[in-house]
Amino acid sequence: MADGKIIRGPQDRSRVAMGEDYEIDYRTGKFGVSRERLQGAVDAVGNRADAVERYLTR
Protein backbone atom coordinates (compact mmCIF):
# COMPACT_ATOMS: atom_id res chain seq x y z
CA MET A 1 0.00 0.00 0.00
CA ALA A 2 1.25 3.48 -0.77
CA ASP A 3 2.14 5.88 2.01
CA GLY A 4 -0.93 7.82 3.15
CA LYS A 5 -0.75 11.59 2.77
CA ILE A 6 -2.73 12.21 5.96
CA ILE A 7 -1.42 9.41 8.16
CA ARG A 8 1.79 10.44 9.90
CA GLY A 9 4.51 7.93 10.65
CA PRO A 10 7.55 6.35 9.05
CA GLN A 11 7.38 5.88 5.30
CA ASP A 12 7.75 2.41 3.87
CA ARG A 13 11.09 2.69 2.10
CA SER A 14 11.21 -1.07 1.52
CA ARG A 15 8.93 -0.74 -1.52
CA VAL A 16 8.98 1.41 -4.65
CA ALA A 17 5.55 3.04 -5.11
CA MET A 18 5.35 3.80 -8.83
CA GLY A 19 1.96 5.49 -8.32
CA GLU A 20 3.49 8.31 -6.23
CA ASP A 21 5.31 11.16 -7.99
CA TYR A 22 7.43 12.01 -4.94
CA GLU A 23 8.57 8.38 -4.76
CA ILE A 24 9.49 8.33 -8.44
CA ASP A 25 11.38 11.62 -8.10
CA TYR A 26 13.32 10.26 -5.14
CA ARG A 27 14.26 6.95 -6.79
CA THR A 28 15.13 8.40 -10.21
CA GLY A 29 17.34 10.99 -8.52
CA LYS A 30 18.96 8.43 -6.25
CA PHE A 31 19.88 6.10 -9.11
CA GLY A 32 20.27 8.68 -11.89
CA VAL A 33 17.78 6.91 -14.16
CA SER A 34 14.67 7.88 -16.11
CA ARG A 35 11.13 7.07 -15.03
CA GLU A 36 10.98 4.49 -17.82
CA ARG A 37 14.16 2.77 -16.62
CA LEU A 38 12.84 2.69 -13.06
CA GLN A 39 9.53 1.23 -14.29
CA GLY A 40 11.47 -1.38 -16.27
CA ALA A 41 13.37 -2.37 -13.13
CA VAL A 42 10.13 -2.70 -11.14
CA ASP A 43 8.60 -4.76 -13.95
CA ALA A 44 11.67 -7.01 -14.03
CA VAL A 45 12.21 -7.65 -10.31
CA GLY A 46 9.12 -6.38 -8.49
CA ASN A 47 8.73 -3.36 -6.22
CA ARG A 48 11.06 -4.35 -3.37
CA ALA A 49 13.50 -1.46 -3.03
CA ASP A 50 16.54 -3.67 -2.41
CA ALA A 51 15.84 -5.75 -5.54
CA VAL A 52 15.32 -2.63 -7.66
CA GLU A 53 18.59 -1.16 -6.35
CA ARG A 54 20.52 -4.33 -7.18
CA TYR A 55 18.97 -4.40 -10.66
CA LEU A 56 19.83 -0.77 -11.40
CA THR A 57 23.38 -0.91 -10.03
CA ARG A 58 24.54 -4.13 -11.63
C-alpha atoms as a PDB file:
ATOM      1  CA  MET A   1       0.000   0.000   0.000  1.00  0.00           C
ATOM      2  CA  ALA A   2       1.250   3.485  -0.772  1.00  0.00           C
ATOM      3  CA  ASP A   3       2.136   5.877   2.011  1.00  0.00           C
ATOM      4  CA  GLY A   4      -0.931   7.820   3.152  1.00  0.00           C
ATOM      5  CA  LYS A   5      -0.745  11.592   2.773  1.00  0.00           C
ATOM      6  CA  ILE A   6      -2.731  12.205   5.963  1.00  0.00           C
ATOM      7  CA  ILE A   7      -1.418   9.406   8.162  1.00  0.00           C
ATOM      8  CA  ARG A   8       1.789  10.444   9.895  1.00  0.00           C
ATOM      9  CA  GLY A   9       4.510   7.932  10.653  1.00  0.00           C
ATOM     10  CA  PRO A  10       7.546   6.346   9.049  1.00  0.00           C
ATOM     11  CA  GLN A  11       7.383   5.883   5.301  1.00  0.00           C
ATOM     12  CA  ASP A  12       7.753   2.407   3.870  1.00  0.00           C
ATOM     13  CA  ARG A  13      11.094   2.691   2.102  1.00  0.00           C
ATOM     14  CA  SER A  14      11.211  -1.067   1.521  1.00  0.00           C
ATOM     15  CA  ARG A  15       8.935  -0.739  -1.520  1.00  0.00           C
ATOM     16  CA  VAL A  16       8.983   1.408  -4.653  1.00  0.00           C
ATOM     17  CA  ALA A  17       5.551   3.039  -5.108  1.00  0.00           C
ATOM     18  CA  MET A  18       5.346   3.795  -8.827  1.00  0.00           C
ATOM     19  CA  GLY A  19       1.961   5.493  -8.319  1.00  0.00           C
ATOM     20  CA  GLU A  20       3.488   8.307  -6.235  1.00  0.00           C
ATOM     21  CA  ASP A  21       5.313  11.159  -7.994  1.00  0.00           C
ATOM     22  CA  TYR A  22       7.425  12.010  -4.938  1.00  0.00           C
ATOM     23  CA  GLU A  23       8.572   8.382  -4.758  1.00  0.00           C
ATOM     24  CA  ILE A  24       9.487   8.327  -8.442  1.00  0.00           C
ATOM     25  CA  ASP A  25      11.379  11.625  -8.102  1.00  0.00           C
ATOM     26  CA  TYR A  26      13.325  10.256  -5.136  1.00  0.00           C
ATOM     27  CA  ARG A  27      14.257   6.952  -6.794  1.00  0.00           C
ATOM     28  CA  THR A  28      15.130   8.401 -10.207  1.00  0.00           C
ATOM     29  CA  GLY A  29      17.341  10.993  -8.525  1.00  0.00           C
ATOM     30  CA  LYS A  30      18.964   8.432  -6.250  1.00  0.00           C
ATOM     31  CA  PHE A  31      19.880   6.099  -9.107  1.00  0.00           C
ATOM     32  CA  GLY A  32      20.269   8.676 -11.887  1.00  0.00           C
ATOM     33  CA  VAL A  33      17.780   6.911 -14.163  1.00  0.00           C
ATOM     34  CA  SER A  34      14.674   7.876 -16.107  1.00  0.00           C
ATOM     35  CA  ARG A  35      11.134   7.067 -15.027  1.00  0.00           C
ATOM     36  CA  GLU A  36      10.980   4.490 -17.821  1.00  0.00           C
ATOM     37  CA  ARG A  37      14.164   2.773 -16.623  1.00  0.00           C
ATOM     38  CA  LEU A  38      12.835   2.694 -13.060  1.00  0.00           C
ATOM     39  CA  GLN A  39       9.532   1.226 -14.289  1.00  0.00           C
ATOM     40  CA  GLY A  40      11.466  -1.379 -16.266  1.00  0.00           C
ATOM     41  CA  ALA A  41      13.369  -2.370 -13.133  1.00  0.00           C
ATOM     42  CA  VAL A  42      10.135  -2.698 -11.137  1.00  0.00           C
ATOM     43  CA  ASP A  43       8.598  -4.758 -13.949  1.00  0.00           C
ATOM     44  CA  ALA A  44      11.666  -7.010 -14.030  1.00  0.00           C
ATOM     45  CA  VAL A  45      12.213  -7.651 -10.312  1.00  0.00           C
ATOM     46  CA  GLY A  46       9.123  -6.384  -8.485  1.00  0.00           C
ATOM     47  CA  ASN A  47       8.730  -3.363  -6.223  1.00  0.00           C
ATOM     48  CA  ARG A  48      11.059  -4.346  -3.375  1.00  0.00           C
ATOM     49  CA  ALA A  49      13.497  -1.461  -3.029  1.00  0.00           C
ATOM     50  CA  ASP A  50      16.535  -3.675  -2.414  1.00  0.00           C
ATOM     51  CA  ALA A  51      15.840  -5.753  -5.544  1.00  0.00           C
ATOM     52  CA  VAL A  52      15.323  -2.627  -7.655  1.00  0.00           C
ATOM     53  CA  GLU A  53      18.587  -1.160  -6.352  1.00  0.00           C
ATOM     54  CA  ARG A  54      20.522  -4.334  -7.181  1.00  0.00           C
ATOM     55  CA  TYR A  55      18.965  -4.399 -10.655  1.00  0.00           C
ATOM     56  CA  LEU A  56      19.834  -0.774 -11.399  1.00  0.00           C
ATOM     57  CA  THR A  57      23.378  -0.907 -10.031  1.00  0.00           C
ATOM     58  CA  ARG A  58      24.540  -4.134 -11.633  1.00  0.00           C
END
